[in-house]
Amino acid sequence: MGDSPSATLSRELLPQALSLPSLAALMDSGAGDALASTWLLHAAIEFTSRCNLRCVYCAVSQPDYVGSDLAPEYAFAVVQDLAKLGMPTVALNGHGETLLRDDWVAFARNVLDAGFQVHITSNLSRHLQDEELGVLARFHTIRVSVDTADPGLLRRMRRRVDLGTILANILRIRARSRLLGTTPPRFAASCGIYAQNSRLLSELAHLFQEAGFVKVDFWNYVPYATVPTAENALPVSALSIAEQTEVLQSVLRAMEILHRAGIEVTAAGDLLDALASRIEAASCRSEAQPDVRRDSAP
C-alpha cells in the first residue's frame, strides 16, 4: 500500500497463522509474506463477516452469502503477536459489522489495552449501550457508511437504518470521550455513489461538515444480482450521458464543499475517470456523426 504497508488478517489466514508458534514463525515459514516487513504499520482484523443490515448494494444481501465469526482464541492470540511486532495501528473491520458480536467489547478492550491505535468501520445503526460508548470513545478513528442525507432513501437502500440513530451515536461517543477526558475519535465516512443518491451529494457534504467528519471517501457502486422485494440501487453507468454529466458535476461540487471545509476527500477507484471517459466517448461519437442536411423541396 505504498508508504503505508498493511496486512489483513481474516478468518482464512488466522487459523493457519496460529497453528504456528507465532506470527514471527509464520513470516519465517514463507507463508506470511504480507507480514514480512520491518516497517509494517497497519493490520486489519475481520472479527466477523456477519452484518445486522441488508443493504441492497452489498454482497450480504445476496441469497448465497454466509457470514461467519473469527474464533475468540485466534483473535486474542493474534493481538498479542501483533503487539510483539510493535505495529502501531489495528483496524477492526471487514465485510461484517464488528459491533454485532456479543463479545466485541472485550476484544476491543484487549486491542486498546495492548497499546494500539484502533480504527473501526461500523454502521452505528443501533442504539449503543454505555459500555460500548466507553470503548468506542477510546478509538482513534470510526469510519461510518453514510451515502445520503435523505432519511427515506437511506432506509430504502440500506434497510433497517435510521439516520437519526447514526448521528445520535456519533454525538454520544464524542460526549463520552469528553467525560472520560480522552481525545474524541475522528469520524470518517464511506459513501457509495449510485443513481438514486448521485444528485443529492451537496446536501450530504454539508451534513458531513455539520457532523464534524474529517474524511470522506466516495466510491463507485458496482451492482450485484438484483435483490428481490427491494428497491435496488441503480449504477450510474446505467444513466443517460446527460444524466451522467450531471452526476459528475454533483460529485465535483460535493468534493469542493468538503475541501473548502477542510475535510479530506477522495474519489476511490475509477469513479471520476470512468464518468469522464464515458462522457468524453459519447461526445466523440456525437462529433463523428455526419452532418446530414436535407434541402428544402423546391
Protein backbone atom coordinates (compact mmCIF):
# COMPACT_ATOMS: atom_id res chain seq x y z
CA MET A 1 0.00 0.00 0.00
CA GLY A 2 2.68 2.43 -0.98
CA ASP A 3 4.11 4.20 2.05
CA SER A 4 1.70 2.55 4.49
CA PRO A 5 2.24 -1.23 4.44
CA SER A 6 -0.60 -3.24 5.89
CA ALA A 7 -1.81 -6.79 6.38
CA THR A 8 -5.34 -8.06 6.53
CA LEU A 9 -5.78 -10.89 9.00
CA SER A 10 -9.00 -12.64 8.08
CA ARG A 11 -10.75 -15.79 9.24
CA GLU A 12 -8.94 -17.67 6.47
CA LEU A 13 -5.41 -16.56 7.36
CA LEU A 14 -5.56 -16.63 11.15
CA PRO A 15 -6.09 -20.36 11.73
CA GLN A 16 -3.08 -21.00 9.52
CA ALA A 17 -1.04 -18.35 11.30
CA LEU A 18 -1.94 -19.51 14.78
CA SER A 19 -1.22 -23.15 14.10
CA LEU A 20 2.38 -21.94 14.18
CA PRO A 21 4.10 -20.70 17.37
CA SER A 22 3.61 -17.04 16.44
CA LEU A 23 3.24 -14.59 13.59
CA ALA A 24 7.01 -14.34 13.57
CA ALA A 25 7.08 -18.07 12.83
CA LEU A 26 4.54 -17.52 10.08
CA MET A 27 6.85 -15.00 8.46
CA ASP A 28 9.80 -17.35 8.75
CA SER A 29 7.77 -20.12 7.13
CA GLY A 30 7.35 -18.10 3.95
CA ALA A 31 3.56 -18.32 4.24
CA GLY A 32 3.21 -14.82 5.59
CA ASP A 33 4.90 -12.59 3.03
CA ALA A 34 2.28 -9.90 3.71
CA LEU A 35 3.68 -9.64 7.22
CA ALA A 36 7.36 -9.84 6.27
CA SER A 37 8.15 -6.16 6.57
CA THR A 38 10.35 -4.36 9.03
CA TRP A 39 8.05 -1.33 8.85
CA LEU A 40 4.55 -2.82 8.76
CA LEU A 41 2.23 -0.11 10.09
CA HIS A 42 -1.30 -1.42 9.88
CA ALA A 43 -3.23 -4.66 10.31
CA ALA A 44 -6.96 -5.21 9.74
CA ILE A 45 -8.72 -7.94 11.67
CA GLU A 46 -12.05 -9.21 10.36
CA PHE A 47 -13.74 -10.13 13.64
CA THR A 48 -16.93 -11.18 11.82
CA SER A 49 -18.35 -11.21 8.31
CA ARG A 50 -21.93 -11.21 9.62
CA CYS A 51 -23.95 -7.99 9.48
CA ASN A 52 -27.13 -6.67 11.06
CA LEU A 53 -28.04 -4.78 7.88
CA ARG A 54 -29.10 -5.89 4.43
CA CYS A 55 -28.04 -3.02 2.19
CA VAL A 56 -29.29 -3.61 -1.33
CA TYR A 57 -25.86 -2.84 -2.82
CA CYS A 58 -23.90 -5.21 -0.55
CA ALA A 59 -22.93 -8.86 -1.01
CA VAL A 60 -24.51 -9.63 2.37
CA SER A 61 -27.95 -9.25 0.72
CA GLN A 62 -27.21 -11.98 -1.80
CA PRO A 63 -29.03 -15.28 -1.14
CA ASP A 64 -25.85 -17.36 -1.15
CA TYR A 65 -23.97 -15.14 1.32
CA VAL A 66 -22.95 -16.86 4.55
CA GLY A 67 -21.27 -14.86 7.32
CA SER A 68 -19.01 -16.30 10.00
CA ASP A 69 -17.06 -15.25 13.09
CA LEU A 70 -13.38 -15.33 13.91
CA ALA A 71 -12.86 -17.68 16.84
CA PRO A 72 -12.01 -15.72 20.03
CA GLU A 73 -8.86 -17.73 20.71
CA TYR A 74 -7.46 -16.75 17.31
CA ALA A 75 -8.44 -13.12 17.74
CA PHE A 76 -6.84 -12.68 21.15
CA ALA A 77 -3.69 -14.59 20.19
CA VAL A 78 -3.04 -12.56 17.07
CA VAL A 79 -3.37 -9.30 19.02
CA GLN A 80 -0.61 -10.47 21.33
CA ASP A 81 1.65 -11.33 18.40
CA LEU A 82 0.95 -8.03 16.62
CA ALA A 83 1.89 -6.19 19.82
CA LYS A 84 5.22 -8.05 19.89
CA LEU A 85 5.89 -6.86 16.35
CA GLY A 86 5.48 -3.26 17.52
CA MET A 87 2.77 -2.47 14.95
CA PRO A 88 1.12 0.86 15.85
CA THR A 89 -2.32 0.53 14.24
CA VAL A 90 -5.04 -2.13 14.16
CA ALA A 91 -8.34 -1.78 12.32
CA LEU A 92 -11.38 -3.84 13.28
CA ASN A 93 -13.25 -4.20 10.05
CA GLY A 94 -14.03 -6.49 7.18
CA HIS A 95 -17.19 -7.40 5.35
CA GLY A 96 -19.28 -7.59 8.50
CA GLU A 97 -20.34 -5.42 11.44
CA THR A 98 -17.94 -5.82 14.36
CA LEU A 99 -20.47 -4.44 16.87
CA LEU A 100 -22.83 -7.31 16.05
CA ARG A 101 -20.80 -9.77 18.14
CA ASP A 102 -21.70 -10.08 21.82
CA ASP A 103 -18.01 -10.24 22.79
CA TRP A 104 -16.79 -7.32 20.69
CA VAL A 105 -16.32 -5.04 23.73
CA ALA A 106 -13.97 -7.48 25.45
CA PHE A 107 -11.97 -7.97 22.26
CA ALA A 108 -11.75 -4.23 21.54
CA ARG A 109 -10.59 -3.55 25.10
CA ASN A 110 -7.89 -6.16 24.62
CA VAL A 111 -6.68 -4.37 21.48
CA LEU A 112 -6.79 -0.95 23.14
CA ASP A 113 -5.02 -2.15 26.29
CA ALA A 114 -2.27 -3.65 24.13
CA GLY A 115 -1.39 -0.07 23.15
CA PHE A 116 -2.66 0.01 19.58
CA GLN A 117 -4.17 2.99 17.83
CA VAL A 118 -7.53 1.42 16.95
CA HIS A 119 -9.70 2.13 13.93
CA ILE A 120 -13.09 0.60 13.18
CA THR A 121 -15.61 0.57 10.35
CA SER A 122 -19.16 0.40 11.69
CA ASN A 123 -22.66 1.23 10.53
CA LEU A 124 -23.54 2.64 14.01
CA SER A 125 -27.12 1.70 13.18
CA ARG A 126 -28.34 0.58 16.60
CA HIS A 127 -28.62 2.26 19.99
CA LEU A 128 -25.29 1.87 21.79
CA GLN A 129 -25.06 0.79 25.41
CA ASP A 130 -22.97 2.68 28.00
CA GLU A 131 -20.24 0.04 27.98
CA GLU A 132 -19.98 0.25 24.21
CA LEU A 133 -19.79 4.05 24.26
CA GLY A 134 -16.92 3.88 26.74
CA VAL A 135 -14.91 1.62 24.44
CA LEU A 136 -15.65 3.48 21.20
CA ALA A 137 -14.72 6.75 22.93
CA ARG A 138 -11.13 5.45 23.15
CA PHE A 139 -10.82 4.68 19.42
CA HIS A 140 -8.70 6.80 17.10
CA THR A 141 -10.97 6.66 14.02
CA ILE A 142 -14.52 5.48 13.42
CA ARG A 143 -15.49 5.06 9.77
CA VAL A 144 -19.24 5.10 9.10
CA SER A 145 -21.16 4.14 5.97
CA VAL A 146 -23.49 7.02 5.06
CA ASP A 147 -24.48 7.66 1.44
CA THR A 148 -27.36 10.11 1.65
CA ALA A 149 -28.81 12.79 3.90
CA ASP A 150 -32.30 11.74 2.82
CA PRO A 151 -33.62 9.52 5.67
CA GLY A 152 -36.19 7.81 3.46
CA LEU A 153 -33.72 6.96 0.71
CA LEU A 154 -31.18 5.75 3.27
CA ARG A 155 -33.77 3.43 4.79
CA ARG A 156 -34.79 2.04 1.40
CA MET A 157 -31.24 1.42 0.24
CA ARG A 158 -29.76 0.13 3.48
CA ARG A 159 -32.88 -1.30 5.13
CA ARG A 160 -33.09 -1.19 8.95
CA VAL A 161 -31.15 2.08 9.11
CA ASP A 162 -32.23 5.33 10.74
CA LEU A 163 -30.10 8.39 10.00
CA GLY A 164 -31.04 9.92 13.36
CA THR A 165 -29.67 6.89 15.21
CA ILE A 166 -26.33 7.17 13.42
CA LEU A 167 -25.96 10.87 14.17
CA ALA A 168 -27.06 10.40 17.79
CA ASN A 169 -24.44 7.69 18.28
CA ILE A 170 -21.74 9.98 16.91
CA LEU A 171 -22.69 12.72 19.37
CA ARG A 172 -22.90 10.28 22.27
CA ILE A 173 -19.46 8.83 21.52
CA ARG A 174 -17.96 12.32 21.42
CA ALA A 175 -19.71 13.25 24.67
CA ARG A 176 -18.40 10.11 26.37
CA SER A 177 -14.86 10.90 25.22
CA ARG A 178 -15.06 14.33 26.84
CA LEU A 179 -16.49 12.80 30.01
CA LEU A 180 -13.56 10.38 30.14
CA GLY A 181 -11.06 13.15 29.34
CA THR A 182 -9.86 11.44 26.16
CA THR A 183 -9.47 12.83 22.66
CA PRO A 184 -12.69 12.15 20.73
CA PRO A 185 -12.39 9.76 17.79
CA ARG A 186 -12.02 11.09 14.27
CA PHE A 187 -15.11 10.30 12.21
CA ALA A 188 -14.77 9.36 8.55
CA ALA A 189 -17.44 8.43 6.03
CA SER A 190 -17.71 5.86 3.26
CA CYS A 191 -20.17 6.90 0.56
CA GLY A 192 -21.16 4.76 -2.41
CA ILE A 193 -22.41 6.63 -5.47
CA TYR A 194 -25.43 5.24 -7.32
CA ALA A 195 -28.17 6.78 -9.42
CA GLN A 196 -30.66 7.48 -6.62
CA ASN A 197 -28.23 9.44 -4.42
CA SER A 198 -25.92 10.82 -7.09
CA ARG A 199 -27.52 14.24 -7.43
CA LEU A 200 -28.07 14.75 -3.67
CA LEU A 201 -24.41 14.88 -2.71
CA SER A 202 -24.12 18.58 -1.88
CA GLU A 203 -26.59 18.21 0.98
CA LEU A 204 -24.71 15.14 2.17
CA ALA A 205 -21.41 17.08 2.07
CA HIS A 206 -22.92 19.78 4.27
CA LEU A 207 -24.21 17.11 6.68
CA PHE A 208 -20.70 15.67 6.97
CA GLN A 209 -19.41 19.17 7.68
CA GLU A 210 -22.01 19.86 10.38
CA ALA A 211 -21.45 16.42 11.95
CA GLY A 212 -17.71 17.06 12.27
CA PHE A 213 -16.39 14.41 9.87
CA VAL A 214 -12.73 14.74 8.95
CA LYS A 215 -12.55 12.42 5.93
CA VAL A 216 -14.97 11.26 3.23
CA ASP A 217 -14.38 8.53 0.65
CA PHE A 218 -16.66 8.41 -2.39
CA TRP A 219 -16.73 5.15 -4.34
CA ASN A 220 -18.46 3.84 -7.44
CA TYR A 221 -21.30 1.37 -6.89
CA VAL A 222 -20.94 -1.81 -8.98
CA PRO A 223 -24.11 -3.93 -8.84
CA TYR A 224 -24.56 -7.45 -7.57
CA ALA A 225 -27.57 -9.53 -8.61
CA THR A 226 -30.96 -7.90 -8.13
CA VAL A 227 -32.32 -8.15 -4.59
CA PRO A 228 -35.97 -9.32 -4.69
CA THR A 229 -38.68 -7.31 -2.87
CA ALA A 230 -36.43 -4.25 -2.52
CA GLU A 231 -35.67 -1.03 -4.35
CA ASN A 232 -32.34 -1.82 -5.92
CA ALA A 233 -29.56 0.71 -6.35
CA LEU A 234 -29.06 1.66 -9.99
CA PRO A 235 -25.44 2.07 -11.14
CA VAL A 236 -24.54 5.47 -12.52
CA SER A 237 -23.36 3.80 -15.73
CA ALA A 238 -26.99 2.88 -16.49
CA LEU A 239 -27.98 6.54 -16.75
CA SER A 240 -28.02 8.57 -19.94
CA ILE A 241 -24.89 10.53 -20.83
CA ALA A 242 -26.69 13.77 -19.99
CA GLU A 243 -27.57 12.37 -16.57
CA GLN A 244 -24.02 11.07 -16.03
CA THR A 245 -22.75 14.57 -16.79
CA GLU A 246 -25.00 15.87 -14.01
CA VAL A 247 -23.65 13.17 -11.69
CA LEU A 248 -20.05 14.15 -12.41
CA GLN A 249 -20.88 17.76 -11.66
CA SER A 250 -22.66 16.72 -8.45
CA VAL A 251 -19.66 14.72 -7.23
CA LEU A 252 -17.26 17.55 -8.01
CA ARG A 253 -19.48 20.09 -6.23
CA ALA A 254 -19.65 17.88 -3.14
CA MET A 255 -15.89 17.39 -3.16
CA GLU A 256 -15.39 21.15 -3.41
CA ILE A 257 -17.73 21.76 -0.45
CA LEU A 258 -15.78 19.25 1.64
CA HIS A 259 -12.42 20.61 0.52
CA ARG A 260 -13.40 24.17 1.47
CA ALA A 261 -14.48 22.89 4.88
CA GLY A 262 -11.04 21.36 5.44
CA ILE A 263 -12.34 17.79 5.16
CA GLU A 264 -10.11 15.28 3.41
CA VAL A 265 -11.98 13.79 0.46
CA THR A 266 -11.14 11.06 -2.04
CA ALA A 267 -12.88 9.52 -5.04
CA ALA A 268 -11.84 5.89 -4.85
CA GLY A 269 -11.03 3.70 -7.81
CA ASP A 270 -12.25 4.84 -11.20
CA LEU A 271 -15.27 6.85 -10.03
CA LEU A 272 -14.30 10.13 -11.70
CA ASP A 273 -12.23 8.65 -14.52
CA ALA A 274 -14.98 6.25 -15.60
CA LEU A 275 -17.58 9.01 -15.64
CA ALA A 276 -15.33 11.39 -17.56
CA SER A 277 -14.33 8.67 -20.05
CA ARG A 278 -17.92 7.72 -20.84
CA ILE A 279 -18.91 11.36 -21.28
CA GLU A 280 -15.89 12.07 -23.50
CA ALA A 281 -16.51 8.94 -25.60
CA ALA A 282 -20.13 9.94 -26.14
CA SER A 283 -19.02 13.41 -27.15
CA CYS A 284 -16.54 12.00 -29.67
CA ARG A 285 -19.17 9.72 -31.15
CA SER A 286 -21.51 12.66 -31.48
CA GLU A 287 -18.88 14.77 -33.24
CA ALA A 288 -18.07 11.90 -35.58
CA GLN A 289 -21.66 11.63 -36.82
CA PRO A 290 -22.04 13.05 -40.35
CA ASP A 291 -23.93 16.27 -40.55
CA VAL A 292 -26.77 15.24 -42.82
CA ARG A 293 -28.81 18.17 -44.04
CA ARG A 294 -31.97 17.87 -46.05
CA ASP A 295 -32.54 20.59 -48.61
CA SER A 296 -35.98 22.05 -48.66
CA ALA A 297 -38.13 20.92 -51.52
CA PRO A 298 -38.38 23.48 -54.30
